[in-house]
Structure formats: structure tokens, C-alpha cells
Amino acid sequence: MSDIQELARRYLASWNERAPARRRALIEELWTDDARYVDPIVAAEGRDAIDAAVATAQQQFPGLVYRAAGHVDGHHHAARLAWELGPVDGPPVIIGLAVLVAEQSRLCRVYGFLD
């Protein structure tokens, strides 16, 4: 993976993008055709399902933003991203971890965990 920091930044940007068309464009650029996202709440296969999962999370947590919580660590084609969700200038209300798996600089799998 050439730049795990950039991949993680783009991943979080897609979760924070509120405009449906712009969010979809980010997802199209970021994820492979056979992408899969899994966390304790949702399993999404394909870009349509991932987009729907992100939109649902945004509806559940209006006004909150996702941000990295520390350094992104990676090796080979995988990265570990600690993240938090909270108000722009406030403490997190949710924290978690995402394991990002890349294929040719695009996400093919993400496994999410909630703390």
C-alpha cells in the first residue's frame, strides 16, 4: 500500500461527506467493485450497500464527525485505523477500530470494531 495515511483519510472523508452525490463519488473512487464492509451492526457487500450503510450512520448521528484517533499503522496491504465519532470540537461519543484491506490502492475489505 503506497500511502496508508491517505487511504485512511479518504475512508474517513467518505463517512463524513453529507452530500449524497459527493459521498457516492468518494465511495466509487475508494472501493473496489467487489468491496465488503463488516462491523458488529452491519454487513455491506458492494458499493451500493456501503453507501447505504454510511447514509444510515449519518442519519443516526447527525452533526457528528469521524476522525482518526492516533497514527494509522499498516503493513503489506492492510492498515489499522483507530477512529472516533464526536462533535467537531468535542470529545468522542463512540470510538472504534477499522482494519482496512487494500487492493491496488483501493479498499476491498473493511472490518470494523466498536469499543
Protein backbone atom coordinates (compact mmCIF):
# COMPACT_ATOMS: atom_id res chain seq x y z
CA MET A 1 0.00 0.00 0.00
CA SER A 2 1.66 3.20 -1.12
CA ASP A 3 0.13 5.66 1.33
CA ILE A 4 -1.92 4.27 4.19
CA GLN A 5 -2.39 7.72 5.70
CA GLU A 6 -4.06 8.94 2.50
CA LEU A 7 -6.22 5.82 2.20
CA ALA A 8 -7.42 6.26 5.80
CA ARG A 9 -8.06 9.97 5.21
CA ARG A 10 -10.19 9.20 2.15
CA TYR A 11 -12.05 6.47 4.05
CA LEU A 12 -12.99 8.87 6.87
CA ALA A 13 -13.87 11.59 4.35
CA SER A 14 -16.42 9.25 2.76
CA TRP A 15 -18.06 8.68 6.16
CA ASN A 16 -18.20 12.44 6.75
CA GLU A 17 -19.49 13.53 3.34
CA ARG A 18 -23.16 14.54 3.78
CA ALA A 19 -23.95 15.35 0.14
CA PRO A 20 -25.20 12.07 -1.38
CA ALA A 21 -23.68 12.60 -4.85
CA ARG A 22 -20.27 13.62 -3.49
CA ARG A 23 -20.30 10.76 -0.97
CA ARG A 24 -21.11 8.30 -3.75
CA ALA A 25 -18.27 9.67 -5.89
CA LEU A 26 -15.86 9.19 -2.97
CA ILE A 27 -17.08 5.62 -2.48
CA GLU A 28 -16.74 4.86 -6.20
CA GLU A 29 -13.13 6.10 -6.19
CA LEU A 30 -12.18 4.44 -2.91
CA TRP A 31 -13.71 0.94 -3.04
CA THR A 32 -13.19 -1.98 -5.45
CA ASP A 33 -16.11 -3.47 -7.39
CA ASP A 34 -16.36 -6.45 -5.02
CA ALA A 35 -15.96 -4.42 -1.82
CA ARG A 36 -17.20 -5.66 1.55
CA TYR A 37 -17.68 -3.76 4.81
CA VAL A 38 -18.48 -5.58 8.06
CA ASP A 39 -18.90 -4.30 11.62
CA PRO A 40 -20.98 -5.50 14.60
CA ILE A 41 -24.05 -3.67 13.29
CA VAL A 42 -23.97 -4.04 9.51
CA ALA A 43 -22.57 -6.20 6.73
CA ALA A 44 -22.49 -4.50 3.33
CA GLU A 45 -21.44 -6.06 0.04
CA GLY A 46 -20.80 -3.77 -2.89
CA ARG A 47 -20.65 -0.02 -3.25
CA ASP A 48 -24.44 0.46 -3.15
CA ALA A 49 -24.71 -1.30 0.20
CA ILE A 50 -21.67 0.52 1.60
CA ASP A 51 -23.16 3.86 0.54
CA ALA A 52 -26.45 2.92 2.22
CA ALA A 53 -24.63 1.93 5.43
CA VAL A 54 -22.79 5.26 5.53
CA ALA A 55 -26.01 7.20 4.88
CA THR A 56 -27.75 5.32 7.70
CA ALA A 57 -24.91 6.09 10.12
CA GLN A 58 -25.10 9.76 9.20
CA GLN A 59 -28.84 9.79 9.92
CA GLN A 60 -28.27 8.12 13.29
CA PHE A 61 -25.52 10.56 14.30
CA PRO A 62 -26.37 13.99 12.87
CA GLY A 63 -23.77 16.67 13.50
CA LEU A 64 -21.04 14.22 14.49
CA VAL A 65 -17.83 13.60 12.53
CA TYR A 66 -15.47 10.67 12.16
CA ARG A 67 -11.79 11.36 12.77
CA ALA A 68 -8.59 9.38 13.21
CA ALA A 69 -7.61 8.71 16.80
CA GLY A 70 -3.86 8.40 16.57
CA HIS A 71 -1.46 7.09 13.99
CA VAL A 72 -2.58 4.78 11.20
CA ASP A 73 -0.50 1.61 11.32
CA GLY A 74 -0.10 -0.65 8.34
CA HIS A 75 1.86 -3.33 6.57
CA HIS A 76 1.58 -5.08 3.23
CA HIS A 77 -1.99 -4.40 2.08
CA ALA A 78 -3.61 -3.83 5.48
CA ALA A 79 -3.95 -0.89 7.84
CA ARG A 80 -5.25 -0.45 11.37
CA LEU A 81 -7.20 2.78 11.87
CA ALA A 82 -8.33 3.81 15.34
CA TRP A 83 -11.20 6.28 14.95
CA GLU A 84 -13.64 8.28 16.98
CA LEU A 85 -17.02 9.84 16.32
CA GLY A 86 -18.00 13.05 18.03
CA PRO A 87 -18.79 16.75 17.68
CA VAL A 88 -16.26 18.74 15.64
CA ASP A 89 -14.74 20.38 18.72
CA GLY A 90 -15.86 17.95 21.38
CA PRO A 91 -14.98 14.63 22.94
CA PRO A 92 -15.86 11.40 21.15
CA VAL A 93 -19.13 9.64 21.87
CA ILE A 94 -18.05 6.45 20.07
CA ILE A 95 -14.60 5.02 19.45
CA GLY A 96 -13.62 2.10 17.32
CA LEU A 97 -11.10 0.39 15.12
CA ALA A 98 -11.19 -0.37 11.41
CA VAL A 99 -8.95 -2.84 9.62
CA LEU A 100 -8.60 -1.61 6.05
CA VAL A 101 -7.55 -4.11 3.39
CA ALA A 102 -6.42 -2.65 0.08
CA GLU A 103 -6.07 -3.97 -3.42
CA GLN A 104 -4.15 -1.73 -5.83
CA SER A 105 -4.65 1.37 -3.63
CA ARG A 106 -8.41 0.81 -3.26
CA LEU A 107 -10.33 -0.72 -0.39
CA CYS A 108 -11.60 -4.24 -0.94
CA ARG A 109 -12.47 -5.14 2.67
CA VAL A 110 -13.01 -3.24 5.90
CA TYR A 111 -13.60 -4.93 9.23
CA GLY A 112 -14.91 -2.57 11.90
CA PHE A 113 -14.92 -2.95 15.67
CA LEU A 114 -16.61 -0.78 18.30
CA ASP A 115 -15.09 -0.13 21.71
